[in-house]
Amino acid sequence: MIVPDTIWPPNLSYAGKSKYKALAQTIRDGIASGDLAAGSKLPPVRDLAFRVGVTPGTVARAYTLLTDEGRLSAAVGRGTYVADVTRKGRKPEPPLLHLVDESTADFRSSRVPDVGQGLLIDDAFIRLGHSHRRRHINYPTSITDIEARKAVVDWIGPVRAGHLDAHQVVLGNGAQNCVILALQAELHGAHPVILTDELAYPGVRHAARLLRAQVVGVAMDEDGLIPEALAEAYRTHGGQVLLTSAEVHSPTTTQTSYARKKEIAALAERFGLTIIEDDCHSIAPTDVPAYRAILPKQSYFISSLTKGVSGALRFGYAVAPVDRVSDLRQVAQSSFHGIAQPILDVCTDLLTSGDAGRVKDKVVAHTAERVRLAVNRLGGWDLRWREDAPFLWLQLPQGWRSSSFALACERKGISVRPADEFALSDQRAPNAVRLAATTCVSESRYLQALDDMNTLLANPNRTMES
């Protein structure tokens, strides 16, 4: 008996299917036959695993797959239910952005801290208004955005992304937009495949869904993507693109070492994989070259001003592989013609005047201070952190699950991001949460929230999900 008052014997004998896919298929069959009615609550993962003789991980993967398909719905602290399939559209994923609420200690999204950049941006607009350049009427072009592209080249520096010039830079509305543009330029065929980090920023799933691409996770260790796992994923699934956050991985803060990058680049060259490196969370200088410096003919380098200067400007950039610039620029022009000229001019002013650099230095210092405060409060637990990363990765102690911990935090006026929001549909989420260090609350509220979390961690919820 899977659902109360419903006798439904699951069939795991589907030929050629792994156990989690067979379980997912039998749940689909139960929904289609009416044995599993809309609104029916499914058993907790461990209960169903015991009943059908599989591991909890098998059930969790099946539930996640069906939740992504919109056939099941899950609510933190309430369980998993059969979705109402009569509703139009797919069940939305958690939003990528959240409204700022000063009454809540929101550790879900890392935000650029307020270090006075608002006034500097206002001043830049005033200077722009006094410039009388008279080019805020017509469409932006490669002529009117060349100053911004040159400023981006200077901002990146001469080493990080290899040899580049302004011609190789394409501008977009933030890093997420640039990632989608790069994927559009590279993916092809009826069933495109994106290989990516086994835990990935939710925007990866959003982008793949927009482009109707399959996403396959690649296992990681403390040095980054595991080369053997990448080779196996490619042999099993194929793939045209490897999308990775190698400098500051979200959510784990992992930095891929230079030695590991060279191994991954060698595999990508052998397989013909294009590497898209999303560097949006990197705010501090680094000695590790980007993939584009190692494999310039097959690698994109993408970042923005969002995490280091201002998210309001929506100014991102992509350095294209050698000989792929025209394709990327054509995709961008087909999508939105070009970045709004006033934004181009203001961002150019901020970059060339040095204001952007000064703001970023303050943001780096503020981030490091917030991280240190968090480590002082939570350092007794299994915590991964870096002073130059705007979030921390907290592995929960025995007695807690990420869903129940998130619910307990919510009752304290604290919002955290459970690991399952970063897990792909075919991956099992670790028992962890990501904590953004750069929240928008005051320092006193920040410290109180950390103390509250520390108390919760030491006193596991006795009524957690079984």
Protein backbone atom coordinates (compact mmCIF):
# COMPACT_ATOMS: atom_id res chain seq x y z
CA MET A 1 0.00 0.00 0.00
CA ILE A 2 1.80 3.11 -1.25
CA VAL A 3 -0.80 5.80 -0.63
CA PRO A 4 -3.32 5.60 2.25
CA ASP A 5 -6.43 3.64 1.16
CA THR A 6 -4.87 2.98 -2.24
CA ILE A 7 -3.49 -0.43 -3.14
CA TRP A 8 -0.92 0.17 -5.83
CA PRO A 9 1.79 -2.45 -6.40
CA PRO A 10 4.82 -0.79 -7.99
CA ASN A 11 6.45 -2.64 -10.86
CA LEU A 12 10.23 -2.34 -11.03
CA SER A 13 10.69 -4.86 -13.85
CA TYR A 14 10.85 -2.39 -16.76
CA ALA A 15 13.48 -3.87 -19.05
CA GLY A 16 16.62 -1.86 -19.49
CA LYS A 17 15.71 0.80 -16.95
CA SER A 18 17.69 1.58 -13.83
CA LYS A 19 15.76 1.15 -10.60
CA TYR A 20 15.01 4.83 -10.07
CA LYS A 21 13.77 5.19 -13.66
CA ALA A 22 11.66 2.05 -13.28
CA LEU A 23 10.15 3.41 -10.06
CA ALA A 24 9.50 6.76 -11.75
CA GLN A 25 7.76 4.98 -14.63
CA THR A 26 5.55 2.93 -12.33
CA ILE A 27 4.51 6.12 -10.51
CA ARG A 28 3.70 7.69 -13.89
CA ASP A 29 1.59 4.61 -14.69
CA GLY A 30 -0.19 4.88 -11.36
CA ILE A 31 -1.00 8.54 -12.00
CA ALA A 32 -2.23 7.79 -15.52
CA SER A 33 -4.44 4.92 -14.34
CA GLY A 34 -5.95 6.94 -11.53
CA ASP A 35 -4.56 4.69 -8.79
CA LEU A 36 -2.53 7.68 -7.63
CA ALA A 37 -5.00 10.54 -7.59
CA ALA A 38 -4.09 14.21 -7.68
CA GLY A 39 -3.37 15.43 -4.16
CA SER A 40 -2.43 11.99 -2.82
CA LYS A 41 0.50 12.09 -0.44
CA LEU A 42 3.34 9.75 -1.28
CA PRO A 43 5.24 7.99 1.52
CA PRO A 44 8.46 9.44 2.94
CA VAL A 45 11.54 8.36 1.02
CA ARG A 46 12.73 5.83 3.60
CA ASP A 47 9.29 4.25 4.00
CA LEU A 48 8.84 3.67 0.28
CA ALA A 49 12.42 2.41 -0.06
CA PHE A 50 11.78 -0.19 2.65
CA ARG A 51 8.47 -1.26 1.12
CA VAL A 52 9.77 -1.84 -2.41
CA GLY A 53 13.25 -3.04 -1.45
CA VAL A 54 15.45 -0.30 -2.88
CA THR A 55 17.78 2.28 -1.39
CA PRO A 56 16.46 5.67 -0.18
CA GLY A 57 18.64 7.30 -2.84
CA THR A 58 16.74 5.42 -5.56
CA VAL A 59 13.40 6.73 -4.30
CA ALA A 60 14.79 10.27 -3.86
CA ARG A 61 16.02 10.31 -7.49
CA ALA A 62 12.66 9.07 -8.76
CA TYR A 63 10.79 11.71 -6.73
CA THR A 64 13.12 14.47 -7.95
CA LEU A 65 12.76 13.39 -11.58
CA LEU A 66 8.96 13.39 -11.36
CA THR A 67 8.92 16.69 -9.50
CA ASP A 68 10.95 18.25 -12.31
CA GLU A 69 8.43 16.83 -14.78
CA GLY A 70 5.57 18.45 -12.86
CA ARG A 71 3.93 15.11 -11.94
CA LEU A 72 4.78 15.43 -8.24
CA SER A 73 5.01 18.45 -5.96
CA ALA A 74 7.11 18.76 -2.84
CA ALA A 75 6.80 21.21 0.03
CA VAL A 76 9.40 21.67 2.76
CA GLY A 77 8.14 19.99 5.93
CA ARG A 78 4.92 18.69 4.31
CA GLY A 79 6.03 15.87 2.05
CA THR A 80 5.56 14.84 -1.58
CA TYR A 81 2.20 14.81 -3.37
CA VAL A 82 0.78 13.84 -6.73
CA ALA A 83 0.43 17.10 -8.63
CA ASP A 84 -2.82 18.25 -10.20
CA VAL A 85 -2.10 17.40 -13.83
CA THR A 86 -5.22 19.25 -14.96
CA ARG A 87 -3.45 22.53 -14.26
CA LYS A 88 -1.84 24.12 -17.27
CA GLY A 89 1.89 24.59 -17.38
CA ARG A 90 4.78 23.14 -15.41
CA LYS A 91 5.19 23.56 -11.68
CA PRO A 92 7.57 26.50 -11.32
CA GLU A 93 10.96 25.99 -9.72
CA PRO A 94 12.04 28.17 -6.81
CA PRO A 95 12.78 31.66 -8.15
CA LEU A 96 16.34 32.62 -8.94
CA LEU A 97 15.86 36.03 -7.28
CA HIS A 98 14.08 36.98 -4.08
CA LEU A 99 12.72 40.31 -2.94
CA VAL A 100 14.79 41.99 -0.25
CA ASP A 101 12.97 41.74 3.09
CA GLU A 102 14.79 43.42 5.97
CA SER A 103 12.49 41.66 8.47
CA THR A 104 13.95 38.28 7.49
CA ALA A 105 17.54 37.14 7.70
CA ASP A 106 17.65 35.95 4.10
CA PHE A 107 20.61 33.65 3.48
CA ARG A 108 19.22 32.32 0.19
CA SER A 109 20.77 34.65 -2.42
CA SER A 110 24.18 36.29 -2.32
CA ARG A 111 23.73 39.99 -3.04
CA VAL A 112 26.27 42.67 -3.65
CA PRO A 113 26.53 44.64 -0.38
CA ASP A 114 25.79 48.34 -0.25
CA VAL A 115 29.19 50.04 -0.01
CA GLY A 116 28.09 53.35 -1.49
CA GLN A 117 27.96 52.35 -5.14
CA GLY A 118 24.43 53.69 -5.51
CA LEU A 119 25.64 57.28 -5.23
CA LEU A 120 28.54 56.60 -7.59
CA ILE A 121 26.13 55.21 -10.19
CA ASP A 122 23.91 58.27 -9.77
CA ASP A 123 26.94 60.51 -10.32
CA ALA A 124 27.87 58.55 -13.44
CA PHE A 125 24.37 59.11 -14.85
CA ILE A 126 24.69 62.83 -14.10
CA ARG A 127 28.02 62.97 -15.96
CA LEU A 128 26.40 61.09 -18.80
CA GLY A 129 23.57 63.63 -18.90
CA HIS A 130 26.06 66.47 -19.14
CA SER A 131 28.10 64.81 -21.87
CA HIS A 132 25.65 65.70 -24.67
CA ARG A 133 26.89 62.80 -26.78
CA ARG A 134 23.45 62.53 -28.40
CA ARG A 135 23.47 58.79 -28.99
CA HIS A 136 20.55 57.73 -26.83
CA ILE A 137 18.00 57.63 -29.62
CA ASN A 138 19.01 54.86 -32.03
CA TYR A 139 19.91 51.21 -31.59
CA PRO A 140 23.30 50.40 -30.05
CA THR A 141 25.80 48.96 -32.52
CA SER A 142 29.28 47.47 -32.53
CA ILE A 143 30.50 51.04 -32.98
CA THR A 144 28.67 52.50 -30.00
CA ASP A 145 29.54 49.62 -27.63
CA ILE A 146 33.25 49.39 -28.52
CA GLU A 147 34.25 51.63 -25.59
CA ALA A 148 32.43 49.33 -23.16
CA ARG A 149 34.07 46.24 -24.67
CA LYS A 150 37.51 47.80 -24.39
CA ALA A 151 36.79 48.68 -20.76
CA VAL A 152 35.83 45.03 -20.12
CA VAL A 153 39.13 43.84 -21.59
CA ASP A 154 41.03 46.10 -19.17
CA TRP A 155 38.75 44.96 -16.31
CA ILE A 156 39.48 41.27 -16.96
CA GLY A 157 43.20 41.90 -17.26
CA PRO A 158 45.91 40.52 -19.55
CA VAL A 159 46.28 37.05 -17.98
CA ARG A 160 43.02 35.63 -16.65
CA ALA A 161 41.23 34.72 -19.89
CA GLY A 162 44.26 34.50 -22.15
CA HIS A 163 45.05 36.86 -25.00
CA LEU A 164 41.98 38.84 -25.98
CA ASP A 165 40.87 42.10 -27.48
CA ALA A 166 37.60 44.00 -27.60
CA HIS A 167 36.54 42.19 -30.80
CA GLN A 168 36.26 38.92 -28.84
CA VAL A 169 33.91 40.35 -26.19
CA VAL A 170 30.12 40.13 -26.52
CA LEU A 171 27.99 42.01 -24.00
CA GLY A 172 24.79 40.74 -22.40
CA ASN A 173 22.24 41.47 -19.70
CA GLY A 174 24.14 39.82 -16.86
CA ALA A 175 26.07 36.55 -16.66
CA GLN A 176 22.98 34.31 -16.81
CA ASN A 177 21.96 35.94 -20.08
CA CYS A 178 25.48 35.49 -21.44
CA VAL A 179 25.45 31.80 -20.49
CA ILE A 180 22.18 31.32 -22.38
CA LEU A 181 23.62 33.13 -25.40
CA ALA A 182 26.69 30.88 -25.38
CA LEU A 183 24.52 27.77 -25.08
CA GLN A 184 22.37 28.96 -27.99
CA ALA A 185 25.49 29.45 -30.08
CA GLU A 186 26.86 25.99 -29.31
CA LEU A 187 23.96 23.55 -28.87
CA HIS A 188 22.56 21.83 -31.92
CA GLY A 189 20.61 18.75 -32.93
CA ALA A 190 17.35 17.25 -31.71
CA HIS A 191 18.64 16.16 -28.30
CA PRO A 192 21.43 18.48 -27.10
CA VAL A 193 23.29 17.54 -23.91
CA ILE A 194 24.89 19.88 -21.39
CA LEU A 195 27.47 18.39 -19.02
CA THR A 196 27.78 20.38 -15.80
CA ASP A 197 28.81 20.29 -12.14
CA GLU A 198 26.91 17.62 -10.16
CA LEU A 199 25.63 20.43 -7.93
CA ALA A 200 24.85 23.50 -9.99
CA TYR A 201 23.32 26.95 -9.67
CA PRO A 202 19.57 26.54 -10.40
CA GLY A 203 19.94 28.86 -13.37
CA VAL A 204 21.61 25.97 -15.21
CA ARG A 205 18.37 23.97 -15.08
CA HIS A 206 16.36 27.04 -16.11
CA ALA A 207 18.62 27.62 -19.11
CA ALA A 208 18.53 23.95 -20.15
CA ARG A 209 14.75 23.91 -19.95
CA LEU A 210 14.48 26.99 -22.14
CA LEU A 211 16.73 25.34 -24.72
CA ARG A 212 15.15 21.87 -24.40
CA ALA A 213 18.50 20.35 -23.52
CA GLN A 214 19.34 17.43 -21.25
CA VAL A 215 21.56 18.23 -18.26
CA VAL A 216 24.01 15.61 -16.97
CA GLY A 217 25.91 16.09 -13.72
CA VAL A 218 29.62 15.33 -13.39
CA ALA A 219 31.03 14.31 -10.00
CA MET A 220 33.42 16.63 -8.17
CA ASP A 221 36.03 16.42 -5.44
CA GLU A 222 38.02 19.05 -3.55
CA ASP A 223 39.95 19.95 -6.73
CA GLY A 224 36.90 20.38 -8.97
CA LEU A 225 35.41 18.17 -11.66
CA ILE A 226 36.79 14.63 -11.64
CA PRO A 227 38.34 13.86 -15.05
CA GLU A 228 37.32 10.18 -14.97
CA ALA A 229 33.73 11.19 -14.17
CA LEU A 230 33.70 13.64 -17.09
CA ALA A 231 34.99 10.96 -19.45
CA GLU A 232 32.36 8.49 -18.25
CA ALA A 233 29.56 11.06 -18.54
CA TYR A 234 30.63 11.86 -22.10
CA ARG A 235 30.86 8.19 -23.08
CA THR A 236 27.41 7.51 -21.61
CA HIS A 237 25.49 10.62 -22.66
CA GLY A 238 27.57 12.44 -25.23
CA GLY A 239 27.52 16.20 -24.94
CA GLN A 240 28.37 19.36 -26.80
CA VAL A 241 29.05 21.69 -23.89
CA LEU A 242 30.63 21.55 -20.44
CA LEU A 243 29.14 24.34 -18.33
CA THR A 244 31.06 24.86 -15.09
CA SER A 245 31.78 27.37 -12.34
CA ALA A 246 35.41 26.59 -11.74
CA GLU A 247 36.72 29.57 -9.74
CA VAL A 248 33.99 29.90 -7.08
CA HIS A 249 31.65 26.95 -7.38
CA SER A 250 28.11 27.49 -6.19
CA PRO A 251 27.16 26.06 -3.75
CA THR A 252 30.33 24.39 -2.39
CA THR A 253 32.90 27.25 -2.80
CA THR A 254 35.27 24.76 -4.52
CA GLN A 255 38.05 26.25 -6.63
CA THR A 256 39.23 24.05 -9.49
CA SER A 257 43.01 23.82 -9.37
CA TYR A 258 45.17 24.73 -12.36
CA ALA A 259 46.42 21.15 -12.65
CA ARG A 260 42.85 19.84 -12.71
CA LYS A 261 41.81 22.45 -15.27
CA LYS A 262 44.56 21.28 -17.61
CA GLU A 263 43.30 17.69 -17.28
CA ILE A 264 39.71 18.75 -17.98
CA ALA A 265 40.81 20.92 -20.91
CA ALA A 266 42.74 18.00 -22.43
CA LEU A 267 39.61 15.82 -22.26
CA ALA A 268 37.47 18.60 -23.74
CA GLU A 269 39.89 18.96 -26.63
CA ARG A 270 39.85 15.21 -27.24
CA PHE A 271 36.05 14.96 -27.11
CA GLY A 272 35.38 18.21 -28.99
CA LEU A 273 33.55 19.64 -25.96
CA THR A 274 33.10 23.39 -25.70
CA ILE A 275 33.75 24.71 -22.18
CA ILE A 276 31.60 27.55 -20.85
CA GLU A 277 33.09 28.90 -17.63
CA ASP A 278 30.62 30.94 -15.60
CA ASP A 279 32.75 33.17 -13.38
CA CYS A 280 29.94 35.31 -11.97
CA HIS A 281 30.66 34.60 -8.28
CA SER A 282 34.36 35.42 -8.51
CA ILE A 283 35.00 38.87 -7.03
CA ALA A 284 38.64 38.75 -5.89
CA PRO A 285 41.90 38.41 -7.85
CA THR A 286 43.03 34.85 -8.56
CA ASP A 287 46.21 33.19 -9.80
CA VAL A 288 44.35 30.38 -11.57
CA PRO A 289 43.84 31.06 -15.30
CA ALA A 290 40.40 30.54 -16.80
CA TYR A 291 39.77 27.69 -19.22
CA ARG A 292 39.90 30.17 -22.06
CA ALA A 293 43.56 30.83 -21.29
CA ILE A 294 44.24 27.08 -21.44
CA LEU A 295 42.01 26.09 -24.37
CA PRO A 296 41.24 29.34 -26.22
CA LYS A 297 39.67 27.74 -29.30
CA GLN A 298 37.02 25.85 -27.31
CA SER A 299 36.31 27.95 -24.20
CA TYR A 300 34.06 30.82 -23.19
CA PHE A 301 34.78 33.06 -20.20
CA ILE A 302 31.65 34.68 -18.77
CA SER A 303 31.15 37.10 -15.90
CA SER A 304 29.41 40.35 -14.94
CA LEU A 305 29.44 43.32 -12.60
CA THR A 306 26.57 41.85 -10.58
CA LYS A 307 28.38 40.33 -7.58
CA GLY A 308 31.28 42.79 -7.44
CA VAL A 309 29.72 46.16 -8.30
CA SER A 310 25.94 46.27 -8.82
CA GLY A 311 23.23 43.85 -9.77
CA ALA A 312 20.93 46.66 -10.85
CA LEU A 313 22.96 47.47 -13.97
CA ARG A 314 22.54 44.00 -15.52
CA PHE A 315 25.87 44.25 -17.30
CA GLY A 316 27.51 40.98 -18.30
CA TYR A 317 30.15 39.93 -20.77
CA ALA A 318 31.28 36.81 -22.61
CA VAL A 319 34.72 36.29 -24.07
CA ALA A 320 34.14 33.93 -26.98
CA PRO A 321 36.46 31.18 -28.20
CA VAL A 322 38.80 32.14 -30.99
CA ASP A 323 36.87 32.09 -34.29
CA ARG A 324 33.45 31.85 -32.55
CA VAL A 325 32.83 35.54 -31.92
CA SER A 326 30.64 36.18 -34.96
CA ASP A 327 28.28 33.32 -34.07
CA LEU A 328 27.89 34.55 -30.48
CA ARG A 329 27.37 38.16 -31.59
CA GLN A 330 24.72 37.07 -34.08
CA VAL A 331 22.84 35.20 -31.33
CA ALA A 332 22.97 38.27 -29.08
CA GLN A 333 21.76 40.61 -31.81
CA SER A 334 18.93 38.23 -32.67
CA SER A 335 17.90 38.06 -29.02
CA PHE A 336 17.89 41.72 -27.96
CA HIS A 337 19.78 43.81 -30.56
CA GLY A 338 22.20 45.12 -27.95
CA ILE A 339 22.64 46.41 -24.39
CA ALA A 340 20.81 49.69 -23.79
CA GLN A 341 23.15 52.54 -24.72
CA PRO A 342 22.73 54.46 -21.42
CA ILE A 343 23.80 51.32 -19.52
CA LEU A 344 26.75 50.86 -21.86
CA ASP A 345 27.87 54.44 -21.27
CA VAL A 346 27.40 54.39 -17.50
CA CYS A 347 29.24 51.09 -17.10
CA THR A 348 32.06 52.35 -19.31
CA ASP A 349 32.32 55.41 -17.06
CA LEU A 350 32.40 53.28 -13.89
CA LEU A 351 35.06 50.99 -15.32
CA THR A 352 37.35 53.61 -16.86
CA SER A 353 37.11 56.09 -13.96
CA GLY A 354 38.22 53.48 -11.44
CA ASP A 355 34.95 53.71 -9.48
CA ALA A 356 34.05 50.10 -10.30
CA GLY A 357 37.42 48.89 -9.04
CA ARG A 358 37.14 50.85 -5.81
CA VAL A 359 33.64 49.51 -5.23
CA LYS A 360 34.80 45.94 -5.83
CA ASP A 361 37.64 46.34 -3.31
CA LYS A 362 35.08 47.40 -0.69
CA VAL A 363 32.78 44.53 -1.62
CA VAL A 364 35.64 42.04 -1.26
CA ALA A 365 36.50 43.45 2.18
CA HIS A 366 32.85 43.40 3.31
CA THR A 367 32.40 39.83 2.06
CA ALA A 368 35.52 38.65 3.88
CA GLU A 369 34.31 40.24 7.12
CA ARG A 370 30.87 38.64 6.87
CA VAL A 371 32.44 35.25 6.14
CA ARG A 372 34.71 35.58 9.18
CA LEU A 373 31.72 36.40 11.38
CA ALA A 374 29.92 33.31 10.10
CA VAL A 375 32.94 31.07 10.66
CA ASN A 376 33.31 32.40 14.21
CA ARG A 377 29.71 31.36 14.94
CA LEU A 378 29.44 28.15 12.90
CA GLY A 379 33.05 27.00 12.58
CA GLY A 380 32.47 24.09 14.95
CA TRP A 381 30.34 22.39 12.29
CA ASP A 382 31.28 20.90 8.92
CA LEU A 383 31.60 24.20 7.08
CA ARG A 384 33.28 24.97 3.77
CA TRP A 385 34.17 28.60 3.19
CA ARG A 386 36.51 31.08 1.57
CA GLU A 387 36.88 34.74 2.42
CA ASP A 388 36.54 35.61 -1.27
CA ALA A 389 33.33 33.59 -1.78
CA PRO A 390 29.98 35.24 -0.99
CA PHE A 391 28.45 32.09 0.53
CA LEU A 392 29.28 29.15 2.80
CA TRP A 393 28.44 25.45 2.46
CA LEU A 394 27.16 23.82 5.64
CA GLN A 395 27.02 20.02 5.86
CA LEU A 396 24.34 19.27 8.43
CA PRO A 397 25.11 17.10 11.46
CA GLN A 398 23.38 13.81 12.19
CA GLY A 399 19.78 14.36 13.18
CA TRP A 400 19.08 17.08 10.65
CA ARG A 401 17.92 16.97 7.05
CA SER A 402 18.16 19.98 4.81
CA SER A 403 14.37 20.27 4.45
CA SER A 404 13.66 20.08 8.16
CA PHE A 405 16.54 22.43 8.97
CA ALA A 406 15.25 24.95 6.43
CA LEU A 407 11.80 24.76 8.03
CA ALA A 408 13.22 25.20 11.52
CA CYS A 409 15.19 28.22 10.33
CA GLU A 410 12.07 29.66 8.72
CA ARG A 411 10.32 29.56 12.09
CA LYS A 412 13.17 31.72 13.43
CA GLY A 413 12.80 34.28 10.64
CA ILE A 414 15.79 32.88 8.74
CA SER A 415 15.80 31.72 5.11
CA VAL A 416 18.42 29.25 3.88
CA ARG A 417 18.87 27.39 0.59
CA PRO A 418 18.70 23.58 0.87
CA ALA A 419 21.06 21.49 -1.23
CA ASP A 420 18.22 19.97 -3.24
CA GLU A 421 17.78 23.32 -5.03
CA PHE A 422 21.24 22.77 -6.53
CA ALA A 423 20.83 19.06 -7.36
CA LEU A 424 20.03 17.96 -10.88
CA SER A 425 17.06 15.68 -11.52
CA ASP A 426 19.28 12.59 -11.76
CA GLN A 427 21.47 13.46 -8.78
CA ARG A 428 20.99 12.87 -5.07
CA ALA A 429 21.22 16.02 -2.99
CA PRO A 430 23.68 15.98 -0.07
CA ASN A 431 22.44 16.79 3.40
CA ALA A 432 23.57 20.41 3.36
CA VAL A 433 22.51 24.02 2.95
CA ARG A 434 24.10 27.03 1.29
CA LEU A 435 24.32 30.21 3.35
CA ALA A 436 24.82 33.53 1.58
CA ALA A 437 27.26 35.67 3.53
CA THR A 438 26.28 38.88 1.77
CA THR A 439 22.70 39.21 2.92
CA CYS A 440 21.04 42.62 3.14
CA VAL A 441 20.41 42.59 6.89
CA SER A 442 22.26 44.59 9.53
CA GLU A 443 25.30 43.09 11.24
CA SER A 444 23.41 42.65 14.51
CA ARG A 445 20.58 40.75 12.78
CA TYR A 446 23.15 38.72 10.87
CA LEU A 447 24.93 37.69 14.07
CA GLN A 448 21.66 36.84 15.80
CA ALA A 449 20.64 34.62 12.89
CA LEU A 450 24.00 32.82 13.00
CA ASP A 451 23.61 32.25 16.74
CA ASP A 452 20.10 30.91 16.18
CA MET A 453 21.37 28.52 13.52
CA ASN A 454 24.17 27.38 15.81
CA THR A 455 21.61 26.57 18.51
CA LEU A 456 19.43 24.68 16.05
CA LEU A 457 22.38 22.64 14.79
CA ALA A 458 23.19 21.58 18.33
CA ASN A 459 19.59 20.54 18.98
CA PRO A 460 18.30 18.47 16.05
CA ASN A 461 14.61 18.52 15.29
CA ARG A 462 13.05 15.50 16.99
CA THR A 463 10.13 15.54 14.58
CA MET A 464 12.14 15.51 11.36
CA GLU A 465 10.89 13.55 8.37
CA SER A 466 11.35 9.82 8.68
